[in-house]
């Protein structure tokens, strides 16, 4: 099951009974990947988004994981720092991002919709703190009973913005070349893998996905960037790499898969709903080890049976 934003937790980021029931109902999917969970208060991007920072949040997630395990399912916590998607109306502070470039459009706060704010450019010495927040959230996830974590490096959130040249105009060691833009993602995955075990650590990426103005407009640069990510994480022995792309059997995705060398799970992206035939084509054709399914699971908790 793909990570799907639900916004059903309390304003304190604590998931309650409705969250536990939601995931319990979908345990037959086998491996569930949660909605994006913020690792620190400044990384919260949405109203009623859950966190993995406080003891109350950990205790709330323990009820969720217990419910899923009671139904013989497995559940992975997706750790997501929102970056410039966050806003002061939710977090109480200015969002941080690779560069001081705002997203076009509006976001929702508890008081209603507002334009995305201009973020502040993160200082180089702040980046180890962000990595440490991911690490602590991963440790908290294991304490809450999760079977592993997925680092969210996709869909226009903080790590993806570092990867995207449209959002990253940095001149330090975390911007400029594809290899430098990939650095924070690689360092985060490495640190989390050391903390909880590589066999419990996944990474999700979305090459050439333009959501939240994370534009990969140059296909040559996009390929170089995501090959750099794959090469950087290949020695870690991660549990796997999750890739969202409209052409999952295409050249870019398959080159990244080859460079990574480990297990790959694929998702066909936002443009089309993944069908059973899509999933069969990708697995039986040898393009992926497994397929991630999103929207059909929202209305069909018994999707496997159907």
C-alpha atoms as a PDB file:
ATOM      1  CA  UNK A   1       0.000   0.000   0.000  1.00  0.00           C
ATOM      2  CA  UNK A   2       1.369   3.374  -1.025  1.00  0.00           C
ATOM      3  CA  UNK A   3       1.772   6.241   1.436  1.00  0.00           C
ATOM      4  CA  UNK A   4      -1.439   8.294   1.323  1.00  0.00           C
ATOM      5  CA  UNK A   5      -1.961  11.581   3.186  1.00  0.00           C
ATOM      6  CA  UNK A   6      -4.961  11.254   5.540  1.00  0.00           C
ATOM      7  CA  UNK A   7      -4.770  14.203   7.970  1.00  0.00           C
ATOM      8  CA  UNK A   8      -6.817  12.339  10.584  1.00  0.00           C
ATOM      9  CA  UNK A   9      -4.602  12.779  13.638  1.00  0.00           C
ATOM     10  CA  UNK A  10      -4.927  15.331  16.405  1.00  0.00           C
ATOM     11  CA  UNK A  11      -3.484  18.811  16.276  1.00  0.00           C
ATOM     12  CA  UNK A  12      -0.817  17.421  18.599  1.00  0.00           C
ATOM     13  CA  UNK A  13       0.251  14.952  15.902  1.00  0.00           C
ATOM     14  CA  UNK A  14      -1.004  11.938  17.859  1.00  0.00           C
ATOM     15  CA  UNK A  15      -2.735   9.250  15.764  1.00  0.00           C
ATOM     16  CA  UNK A  16      -5.923   8.016  17.429  1.00  0.00           C
ATOM     17  CA  UNK A  17      -8.330   5.104  17.125  1.00  0.00           C
ATOM     18  CA  UNK A  18      -9.589   6.114  13.667  1.00  0.00           C
ATOM     19  CA  UNK A  19      -6.018   5.912  12.349  1.00  0.00           C
ATOM     20  CA  UNK A  20      -5.477   2.495  13.913  1.00  0.00           C
ATOM     21  CA  UNK A  21      -8.715   1.219  12.400  1.00  0.00           C
ATOM     22  CA  UNK A  22      -7.875   2.629   8.966  1.00  0.00           C
ATOM     23  CA  UNK A  23      -4.569   0.761   8.779  1.00  0.00           C
ATOM     24  CA  UNK A  24      -5.964  -2.391  10.426  1.00  0.00           C
ATOM     25  CA  UNK A  25      -8.618  -2.617   7.712  1.00  0.00           C
ATOM     26  CA  UNK A  26      -5.926  -2.605   5.015  1.00  0.00           C
ATOM     27  CA  UNK A  27      -3.525  -5.084   6.616  1.00  0.00           C
ATOM     28  CA  UNK A  28      -4.212  -7.676   3.893  1.00  0.00           C
ATOM     29  CA  UNK A  29      -2.187  -5.499   1.482  1.00  0.00           C
ATOM     30  CA  UNK A  30       0.821  -7.230   3.046  1.00  0.00           C
ATOM     31  CA  UNK A  31       3.148  -4.273   3.525  1.00  0.00           C
ATOM     32  CA  UNK A  32       1.584  -0.930   4.384  1.00  0.00           C
ATOM     33  CA  UNK A  33       3.534   2.299   4.002  1.00  0.00           C
ATOM     34  CA  UNK A  34       2.056   5.021   6.174  1.00  0.00           C
ATOM     35  CA  UNK A  35       1.145   8.557   5.305  1.00  0.00           C
ATOM     36  CA  UNK A  36       4.046  10.997   5.669  1.00  0.00           C
ATOM     37  CA  UNK A  37       4.979  11.410   9.343  1.00  0.00           C
ATOM     38  CA  UNK A  38       6.906  14.495  10.392  1.00  0.00           C
ATOM     39  CA  UNK A  39      10.180  13.918  12.261  1.00  0.00           C
ATOM     40  CA  UNK A  40      10.210  17.340  13.917  1.00  0.00           C
ATOM     41  CA  UNK A  41       7.704  20.118  14.487  1.00  0.00           C
ATOM     42  CA  UNK A  42       9.278  22.359  11.842  1.00  0.00           C
ATOM     43  CA  UNK A  43       8.834  19.596   9.264  1.00  0.00           C
ATOM     44  CA  UNK A  44       5.047  19.388   9.558  1.00  0.00           C
ATOM     45  CA  UNK A  45       3.381  20.230   6.252  1.00  0.00           C
ATOM     46  CA  UNK A  46      -0.325  19.576   6.780  1.00  0.00           C
ATOM     47  CA  UNK A  47      -3.080  20.114   9.295  1.00  0.00           C
ATOM     48  CA  UNK A  48      -3.731  17.054  11.462  1.00  0.00           C
ATOM     49  CA  UNK A  49      -0.618  15.340  10.159  1.00  0.00           C
ATOM     50  CA  UNK A  50       0.868  12.761  12.550  1.00  0.00           C
ATOM     51  CA  UNK A  51       4.361  13.003  13.994  1.00  0.00           C
ATOM     52  CA  UNK A  52       7.027  10.698  15.423  1.00  0.00           C
ATOM     53  CA  UNK A  53       8.663  13.119  17.795  1.00  0.00           C
ATOM     54  CA  UNK A  54       6.927  12.962  21.194  1.00  0.00           C
ATOM     55  CA  UNK A  55       6.215  10.046  23.512  1.00  0.00           C
ATOM     56  CA  UNK A  56       2.478  10.562  23.026  1.00  0.00           C
ATOM     57  CA  UNK A  57       2.942  10.224  19.258  1.00  0.00           C
ATOM     58  CA  UNK A  58       5.033   7.065  19.709  1.00  0.00           C
ATOM     59  CA  UNK A  59       2.359   5.599  21.992  1.00  0.00           C
ATOM     60  CA  UNK A  60      -0.339   6.464  19.447  1.00  0.00           C
ATOM     61  CA  UNK A  61       1.548   4.702  16.668  1.00  0.00           C
ATOM     62  CA  UNK A  62       2.068   1.649  18.878  1.00  0.00           C
ATOM     63  CA  UNK A  63      -1.712   1.132  18.819  1.00  0.00           C
ATOM     64  CA  UNK A  64      -1.621   1.336  15.024  1.00  0.00           C
ATOM     65  CA  UNK A  65       1.223  -1.147  14.595  1.00  0.00           C
ATOM     66  CA  UNK A  66      -0.333  -3.556  17.103  1.00  0.00           C
ATOM     67  CA  UNK A  67      -3.618  -3.441  15.148  1.00  0.00           C
ATOM     68  CA  UNK A  68      -1.872  -4.188  11.841  1.00  0.00           C
ATOM     69  CA  UNK A  69       0.264  -6.982  13.289  1.00  0.00           C
ATOM     70  CA  UNK A  70      -2.825  -8.576  14.833  1.00  0.00           C
ATOM     71  CA  UNK A  71      -4.118  -8.944  11.256  1.00  0.00           C
ATOM     72  CA  UNK A  72      -0.793 -10.444  10.052  1.00  0.00           C
ATOM     73  CA  UNK A  73       0.229  -7.308   8.177  1.00  0.00           C
ATOM     74  CA  UNK A  74       3.503  -5.399   8.129  1.00  0.00           C
ATOM     75  CA  UNK A  75       3.719  -1.619   8.417  1.00  0.00           C
ATOM     76  CA  UNK A  76       6.483   0.819   7.424  1.00  0.00           C
ATOM     77  CA  UNK A  77       6.625   4.387   8.742  1.00  0.00           C
ATOM     78  CA  UNK A  78       7.220   6.983   6.053  1.00  0.00           C
ATOM     79  CA  UNK A  79       9.303   9.791   7.551  1.00  0.00           C
ATOM     80  CA  UNK A  80       8.677  13.056   5.737  1.00  0.00           C
ATOM     81  CA  UNK A  81      10.134  16.504   6.354  1.00  0.00           C
ATOM     82  CA  UNK A  82       7.915  18.929   4.442  1.00  0.00           C
ATOM     83  CA  UNK A  83      10.570  21.578   3.842  1.00  0.00           C
ATOM     84  CA  UNK A  84       9.092  24.603   2.075  1.00  0.00           C
ATOM     85  CA  UNK A  85       5.662  22.942   1.953  1.00  0.00           C
ATOM     86  CA  UNK A  86       5.461  23.744   5.673  1.00  0.00           C
ATOM     87  CA  UNK A  87       4.207  27.160   6.762  1.00  0.00           C
ATOM     88  CA  UNK A  88       4.152  29.286   9.887  1.00  0.00           C
ATOM     89  CA  UNK A  89       0.371  28.919  10.152  1.00  0.00           C
ATOM     90  CA  UNK A  90       0.948  25.299  11.164  1.00  0.00           C
ATOM     91  CA  UNK A  91       4.455  25.176  12.624  1.00  0.00           C
ATOM     92  CA  UNK A  92       4.692  28.683  14.083  1.00  0.00           C
ATOM     93  CA  UNK A  93       7.996  29.317  12.304  1.00  0.00           C
ATOM     94  CA  UNK A  94       9.297  30.100   8.837  1.00  0.00           C
ATOM     95  CA  UNK A  95       9.851  27.022   6.697  1.00  0.00           C
ATOM     96  CA  UNK A  96      13.375  25.968   5.785  1.00  0.00           C
ATOM     97  CA  UNK A  97      14.430  24.845   2.312  1.00  0.00           C
ATOM     98  CA  UNK A  98      17.524  24.515   0.117  1.00  0.00           C
ATOM     99  CA  UNK A  99      16.989  28.055  -1.190  1.00  0.00           C
ATOM    100  CA  UNK A 100      14.648  30.971  -0.482  1.00  0.00           C
ATOM    101  CA  UNK A 101      12.257  30.105  -3.304  1.00  0.00           C
ATOM    102  CA  UNK A 102       8.518  29.789  -2.693  1.00  0.00           C
ATOM    103  CA  UNK A 103       6.173  27.236  -4.231  1.00  0.00           C
ATOM    104  CA  UNK A 104       3.477  28.679  -6.482  1.00  0.00           C
ATOM    105  CA  UNK A 105      -0.065  28.243  -5.231  1.00  0.00           C
ATOM    106  CA  UNK A 106      -1.746  27.878  -1.859  1.00  0.00           C
ATOM    107  CA  UNK A 107      -1.668  25.599   1.142  1.00  0.00           C
ATOM    108  CA  UNK A 108      -4.191  24.953   3.899  1.00  0.00           C
ATOM    109  CA  UNK A 109      -3.817  25.950   7.537  1.00  0.00           C
ATOM    110  CA  UNK A 110      -6.213  25.560  10.445  1.00  0.00           C
ATOM    111  CA  UNK A 111      -7.516  29.049   9.610  1.00  0.00           C
ATOM    112  CA  UNK A 112      -7.973  28.394   5.888  1.00  0.00           C
ATOM    113  CA  UNK A 113      -5.947  28.586   2.691  1.00  0.00           C
ATOM    114  CA  UNK A 114      -2.959  30.920   2.342  1.00  0.00           C
ATOM    115  CA  UNK A 115      -0.250  31.352  -0.324  1.00  0.00           C
ATOM    116  CA  UNK A 116       2.893  29.314   0.173  1.00  0.00           C
ATOM    117  CA  UNK A 117       5.430  31.368   2.099  1.00  0.00           C
ATOM    118  CA  UNK A 118       8.950  32.169   1.008  1.00  0.00           C
ATOM    119  CA  UNK A 119      11.176  29.786   2.976  1.00  0.00           C
ATOM    120  CA  UNK A 120      14.522  30.664   4.438  1.00  0.00           C
ATOM    121  CA  UNK A 121      17.579  29.019   2.955  1.00  0.00           C
ATOM    122  CA  UNK A 122      18.940  26.488   5.426  1.00  0.00           C
ATOM    123  CA  UNK A 123      22.486  27.075   6.612  1.00  0.00           C
ATOM    124  CA  UNK A 124      24.988  24.328   5.911  1.00  0.00           C
ATOM    125  CA  UNK A 125      25.483  23.679   9.620  1.00  0.00           C
ATOM    126  CA  UNK A 126      21.740  23.094  10.052  1.00  0.00           C
ATOM    127  CA  UNK A 127      21.704  20.070   7.756  1.00  0.00           C
ATOM    128  CA  UNK A 128      23.247  17.652  10.301  1.00  0.00           C
ATOM    129  CA  UNK A 129      20.400  18.612  12.654  1.00  0.00           C
ATOM    130  CA  UNK A 130      17.836  17.656  10.008  1.00  0.00           C
ATOM    131  CA  UNK A 131      19.595  14.331   9.460  1.00  0.00           C
ATOM    132  CA  UNK A 132      19.583  13.770  13.224  1.00  0.00           C
ATOM    133  CA  UNK A 133      15.824  14.453  13.281  1.00  0.00           C
ATOM    134  CA  UNK A 134      15.278  11.758  10.638  1.00  0.00           C
ATOM    135  CA  UNK A 135      17.429   9.363  12.666  1.00  0.00           C
ATOM    136  CA  UNK A 136      15.564  10.006  15.908  1.00  0.00           C
ATOM    137  CA  UNK A 137      12.216   9.608  14.159  1.00  0.00           C
ATOM    138  CA  UNK A 138      13.408   6.290  12.737  1.00  0.00           C
ATOM    139  CA  UNK A 139      14.423   5.115  16.201  1.00  0.00           C
ATOM    140  CA  UNK A 140      11.049   6.254  17.510  1.00  0.00           C
ATOM    141  CA  UNK A 141       9.349   4.309  14.726  1.00  0.00           C
ATOM    142  CA  UNK A 142      11.066   1.089  15.783  1.00  0.00           C
ATOM    143  CA  UNK A 143      10.131   1.826  19.408  1.00  0.00           C
ATOM    144  CA  UNK A 144       6.518   2.215  18.235  1.00  0.00           C
ATOM    145  CA  UNK A 145       6.567  -1.260  16.686  1.00  0.00           C
ATOM    146  CA  UNK A 146       7.030  -0.418  13.021  1.00  0.00           C
ATOM    147  CA  UNK A 147       8.686  -3.045  10.838  1.00  0.00           C
ATOM    148  CA  UNK A 148      10.862  -0.420   9.177  1.00  0.00           C
ATOM    149  CA  UNK A 149      10.893   3.114   7.821  1.00  0.00           C
ATOM    150  CA  UNK A 150      10.715   4.729   4.410  1.00  0.00           C
ATOM    151  CA  UNK A 151      12.648   7.976   4.001  1.00  0.00           C
ATOM    152  CA  UNK A 152      10.554  10.328   1.870  1.00  0.00           C
ATOM    153  CA  UNK A 153      12.815  11.726  -0.838  1.00  0.00           C
ATOM    154  CA  UNK A 154       9.978  12.269  -3.312  1.00  0.00           C
ATOM    155  CA  UNK A 155       6.919  14.327  -4.233  1.00  0.00           C
ATOM    156  CA  UNK A 156       8.249  17.803  -3.591  1.00  0.00           C
ATOM    157  CA  UNK A 157       9.223  17.673   0.071  1.00  0.00           C
ATOM    158  CA  UNK A 158      12.537  18.651   1.651  1.00  0.00           C
ATOM    159  CA  UNK A 159      14.872  15.970   0.294  1.00  0.00           C
ATOM    160  CA  UNK A 160      13.301  16.158  -3.170  1.00  0.00           C
ATOM    161  CA  UNK A 161      13.752  19.925  -3.182  1.00  0.00           C
ATOM    162  CA  UNK A 162      17.461  19.418  -2.578  1.00  0.00           C
ATOM    163  CA  UNK A 163      17.515  17.072  -5.583  1.00  0.00           C
ATOM    164  CA  UNK A 164      15.642  19.479  -7.886  1.00  0.00           C
ATOM    165  CA  UNK A 165      17.641  22.250  -9.621  1.00  0.00           C
ATOM    166  CA  UNK A 166      14.530  24.461  -9.740  1.00  0.00           C
ATOM    167  CA  UNK A 167      14.390  24.526  -5.939  1.00  0.00           C
ATOM    168  CA  UNK A 168      18.079  24.196  -5.085  1.00  0.00           C
ATOM    169  CA  UNK A 169      20.285  27.156  -6.004  1.00  0.00           C
ATOM    170  CA  UNK A 170      22.895  26.469  -3.328  1.00  0.00           C
ATOM    171  CA  UNK A 171      26.599  27.093  -3.813  1.00  0.00           C
ATOM    172  CA  UNK A 172      27.879  24.954  -0.941  1.00  0.00           C
ATOM    173  CA  UNK A 173      28.460  21.195  -1.070  1.00  0.00           C
ATOM    174  CA  UNK A 174      24.715  20.496  -1.255  1.00  0.00           C
ATOM    175  CA  UNK A 175      23.897  22.219  -4.532  1.00  0.00           C
ATOM    176  CA  UNK A 176      25.103  22.811  -8.049  1.00  0.00           C
ATOM    177  CA  UNK A 177      26.097  19.447  -9.485  1.00  0.00           C
ATOM    178  CA  UNK A 178      23.840  16.366  -9.514  1.00  0.00           C
ATOM    179  CA  UNK A 179      26.198  14.679  -7.062  1.00  0.00           C
ATOM    180  CA  UNK A 180      26.055  17.581  -4.619  1.00  0.00           C
ATOM    181  CA  UNK A 181      22.265  17.890  -4.857  1.00  0.00           C
ATOM    182  CA  UNK A 182      22.052  14.167  -4.036  1.00  0.00           C
ATOM    183  CA  UNK A 183      24.289  14.505  -0.989  1.00  0.00           C
ATOM    184  CA  UNK A 184      21.641  15.211   1.676  1.00  0.00           C
ATOM    185  CA  UNK A 185      19.455  12.309   0.572  1.00  0.00           C
ATOM    186  CA  UNK A 186      22.407   9.919   0.620  1.00  0.00           C
ATOM    187  CA  UNK A 187      23.649  11.155   4.001  1.00  0.00           C
ATOM    188  CA  UNK A 188      20.154  10.850   5.490  1.00  0.00           C
ATOM    189  CA  UNK A 189      19.683   7.297   4.202  1.00  0.00           C
ATOM    190  CA  UNK A 190      23.152   6.335   5.449  1.00  0.00           C
ATOM    191  CA  UNK A 191      22.529   7.744   8.923  1.00  0.00           C
ATOM    192  CA  UNK A 192      19.125   6.087   9.290  1.00  0.00           C
ATOM    193  CA  UNK A 193      20.488   2.745   8.068  1.00  0.00           C
ATOM    194  CA  UNK A 194      23.280   2.909  10.649  1.00  0.00           C
ATOM    195  CA  UNK A 195      20.790   3.722  13.405  1.00  0.00           C
ATOM    196  CA  UNK A 196      18.092   1.087  12.836  1.00  0.00           C
ATOM    197  CA  UNK A 197      19.628  -1.322  10.339  1.00  0.00           C
ATOM    198  CA  UNK A 198      19.766  -1.180   6.566  1.00  0.00           C
ATOM    199  CA  UNK A 199      17.358  -4.114   6.366  1.00  0.00           C
ATOM    200  CA  UNK A 200      14.683  -1.890   7.936  1.00  0.00           C
ATOM    201  CA  UNK A 201      15.374   1.182   5.788  1.00  0.00           C
ATOM    202  CA  UNK A 202      13.667   2.112   2.518  1.00  0.00           C
ATOM    203  CA  UNK A 203      13.995   5.232   0.360  1.00  0.00           C
ATOM    204  CA  UNK A 204      11.299   6.683  -1.902  1.00  0.00           C
ATOM    205  CA  UNK A 205      12.110   8.888  -4.907  1.00  0.00           C
ATOM    206  CA  UNK A 206      10.071  10.362  -7.753  1.00  0.00           C
ATOM    207  CA  UNK A 207      12.305  11.303 -10.718  1.00  0.00           C
ATOM    208  CA  UNK A 208      10.828  13.836 -13.159  1.00  0.00           C
ATOM    209  CA  UNK A 209       7.817  14.423 -10.914  1.00  0.00           C
ATOM    210  CA  UNK A 210       6.965  18.138 -10.985  1.00  0.00           C
ATOM    211  CA  UNK A 211       4.760  18.331  -7.884  1.00  0.00           C
ATOM    212  CA  UNK A 212       5.407  21.239  -5.480  1.00  0.00           C
ATOM    213  CA  UNK A 213       7.591  22.920  -8.130  1.00  0.00           C
ATOM    214  CA  UNK A 214      10.321  20.287  -7.791  1.00  0.00           C
ATOM    215  CA  UNK A 215      11.061  20.466 -11.507  1.00  0.00           C
ATOM    216  CA  UNK A 216      13.404  18.076 -13.288  1.00  0.00           C
ATOM    217  CA  UNK A 217      13.099  19.867 -16.618  1.00  0.00           C
ATOM    218  CA  UNK A 218      16.401  18.626 -18.063  1.00  0.00           C
ATOM    219  CA  UNK A 219      16.209  14.838 -18.621  1.00  0.00           C
ATOM    220  CA  UNK A 220      19.992  14.496 -18.780  1.00  0.00           C
ATOM    221  CA  UNK A 221      20.402  16.278 -15.445  1.00  0.00           C
ATOM    222  CA  UNK A 222      17.527  14.277 -13.924  1.00  0.00           C
ATOM    223  CA  UNK A 223      19.145  11.012 -14.938  1.00  0.00           C
ATOM    224  CA  UNK A 224      22.509  12.104 -13.549  1.00  0.00           C
ATOM    225  CA  UNK A 225      20.938  13.215 -10.271  1.00  0.00           C
ATOM    226  CA  UNK A 226      19.026  10.027  -9.587  1.00  0.00           C
ATOM    227  CA  UNK A 227      21.882   7.828 -10.735  1.00  0.00           C
ATOM    228  CA  UNK A 228      23.985   9.703  -8.167  1.00  0.00           C
ATOM    229  CA  UNK A 229      21.394   8.878  -5.503  1.00  0.00           C
ATOM    230  CA  UNK A 230      21.339   5.219  -6.543  1.00  0.00           C
ATOM    231  CA  UNK A 231      25.132   4.982  -6.558  1.00  0.00           C
ATOM    232  CA  UNK A 232      25.354   6.650  -3.157  1.00  0.00           C
ATOM    233  CA  UNK A 233      22.921   4.296  -1.452  1.00  0.00           C
ATOM    234  CA  UNK A 234      23.910   1.103  -3.310  1.00  0.00           C
ATOM    235  CA  UNK A 235      26.653   0.130  -0.807  1.00  0.00           C
ATOM    236  CA  UNK A 236      24.274   0.468   2.157  1.00  0.00           C
ATOM    237  CA  UNK A 237      22.285  -2.707   1.511  1.00  0.00           C
ATOM    238  CA  UNK A 238      18.922  -1.026   2.071  1.00  0.00           C
ATOM    239  CA  UNK A 239      15.710  -3.048   2.264  1.00  0.00           C
ATOM    240  CA  UNK A 240      14.726  -1.470  -1.036  1.00  0.00           C
ATOM    241  CA  UNK A 241      14.100   1.583  -3.177  1.00  0.00           C
ATOM    242  CA  UNK A 242      10.573   2.790  -3.996  1.00  0.00           C
ATOM    243  CA  UNK A 243      10.265   4.721  -7.257  1.00  0.00           C
ATOM    244  CA  UNK A 244       7.260   6.723  -8.414  1.00  0.00           C
ATOM    245  CA  UNK A 245       7.350   7.478 -12.152  1.00  0.00           C
ATOM    246  CA  UNK A 246       4.836   7.687 -15.000  1.00  0.00           C
ATOM    247  CA  UNK A 247       6.998   5.327 -17.085  1.00  0.00           C
ATOM    248  CA  UNK A 248       8.250   2.748 -14.570  1.00  0.00           C
ATOM    249  CA  UNK A 249       9.567   0.385 -17.227  1.00  0.00           C
ATOM    250  CA  UNK A 250      11.350   3.216 -19.061  1.00  0.00           C
ATOM    251  CA  UNK A 251      15.038   3.951 -19.410  1.00  0.00           C
ATOM    252  CA  UNK A 252      15.506   6.351 -16.475  1.00  0.00           C
ATOM    253  CA  UNK A 253      13.849   4.123 -13.894  1.00  0.00           C
ATOM    254  CA  UNK A 254      15.542   0.968 -15.115  1.00  0.00           C
ATOM    255  CA  UNK A 255      18.975   2.618 -15.212  1.00  0.00           C
ATOM    256  CA  UNK A 256      18.439   3.759 -11.621  1.00  0.00           C
ATOM    257  CA  UNK A 257      17.329   0.234 -10.735  1.00  0.00           C
ATOM    258  CA  UNK A 258      20.474  -1.264 -12.241  1.00  0.00           C
ATOM    259  CA  UNK A 259      22.740   1.234 -10.486  1.00  0.00           C
ATOM    260  CA  UNK A 260      21.011   0.598  -7.139  1.00  0.00           C
ATOM    261  CA  UNK A 261      21.238  -3.173  -7.505  1.00  0.00           C
ATOM    262  CA  UNK A 262      18.736  -4.000  -4.747  1.00  0.00           C
ATOM    263  CA  UNK A 263      15.015  -4.592  -4.485  1.00  0.00           C
ATOM    264  CA  UNK A 264      12.776  -2.131  -6.305  1.00  0.00           C
ATOM    265  CA  UNK A 265       9.101  -1.402  -5.773  1.00  0.00           C
ATOM    266  CA  UNK A 266       7.404   0.718  -8.414  1.00  0.00           C
ATOM    267  CA  UNK A 267       4.413   3.025  -8.539  1.00  0.00           C
ATOM    268  CA  UNK A 268       2.927   4.291 -11.807  1.00  0.00           C
ATOM    269  CA  UNK A 269       2.553   7.826 -10.553  1.00  0.00           C
ATOM    270  CA  UNK A 270      -0.193  10.405 -10.333  1.00  0.00           C
ATOM    271  CA  UNK A 271      -1.328  10.311 -13.948  1.00  0.00           C
ATOM    272  CA  UNK A 272      -2.982   6.898 -13.843  1.00  0.00           C
ATOM    273  CA  UNK A 273      -4.474   4.602 -11.233  1.00  0.00           C
ATOM    274  CA  UNK A 274      -2.532   1.352 -10.918  1.00  0.00           C
ATOM    275  CA  UNK A 275      -4.615  -1.587 -12.119  1.00  0.00           C
ATOM    276  CA  UNK A 276      -4.125  -5.277 -11.445  1.00  0.00           C
ATOM    277  CA  UNK A 277      -2.908  -5.677 -15.021  1.00  0.00           C
ATOM    278  CA  UNK A 278      -0.398  -2.846 -14.538  1.00  0.00           C
ATOM    279  CA  UNK A 279       0.963  -4.622 -11.484  1.00  0.00           C
ATOM    280  CA  UNK A 280       1.202  -7.949 -13.291  1.00  0.00           C
ATOM    281  CA  UNK A 281       2.950  -6.379 -16.267  1.00  0.00           C
ATOM    282  CA  UNK A 282       5.590  -4.769 -14.048  1.00  0.00           C
ATOM    283  CA  UNK A 283       6.317  -7.830 -11.922  1.00  0.00           C
ATOM    284  CA  UNK A 284       5.950 -10.565 -14.532  1.00  0.00           C
ATOM    285  CA  UNK A 285       7.905  -8.464 -17.028  1.00  0.00           C
ATOM    286  CA  UNK A 286      10.808  -8.280 -14.601  1.00  0.00           C
ATOM    287  CA  UNK A 287      10.645  -4.488 -14.221  1.00  0.00           C
ATOM    288  CA  UNK A 288      10.033  -4.527 -10.458  1.00  0.00           C
ATOM    289  CA  UNK A 289      10.101  -6.825  -7.451  1.00  0.00           C
ATOM    290  CA  UNK A 290       6.743  -5.487  -6.256  1.00  0.00           C
ATOM    291  CA  UNK A 291       4.227  -2.770  -7.102  1.00  0.00           C
ATOM    292  CA  UNK A 292       2.970   0.010  -4.846  1.00  0.00           C
ATOM    293  CA  UNK A 293      -0.776   0.661  -5.056  1.00  0.00           C
ATOM    294  CA  UNK A 294      -2.375   3.852  -3.748  1.00  0.00           C
ATOM    295  CA  UNK A 295      -5.799   5.190  -4.657  1.00  0.00           C
ATOM    296  CA  UNK A 296      -7.602   1.843  -5.071  1.00  0.00           C
ATOM    297  CA  UNK A 297      -6.830   1.038  -1.421  1.00  0.00           C
ATOM    298  CA  UNK A 298      -8.590   4.173  -0.160  1.00  0.00           C
ATOM    299  CA  UNK A 299     -12.082   2.975  -1.065  1.00  0.00           C
ATOM    300  CA  UNK A 300     -11.283  -0.756  -1.020  1.00  0.00           C
ATOM    301  CA  UNK A 301      -9.622  -1.909   2.186  1.00  0.00           C
ATOM    302  CA  UNK A 302     -10.156  -5.466   0.929  1.00  0.00           C
ATOM    303  CA  UNK A 303      -8.483  -4.726  -2.407  1.00  0.00           C
ATOM    304  CA  UNK A 304      -6.460  -7.969  -2.320  1.00  0.00           C
ATOM    305  CA  UNK A 305      -9.625 -10.067  -2.139  1.00  0.00           C
ATOM    306  CA  UNK A 306     -11.309  -8.051  -4.864  1.00  0.00           C
END
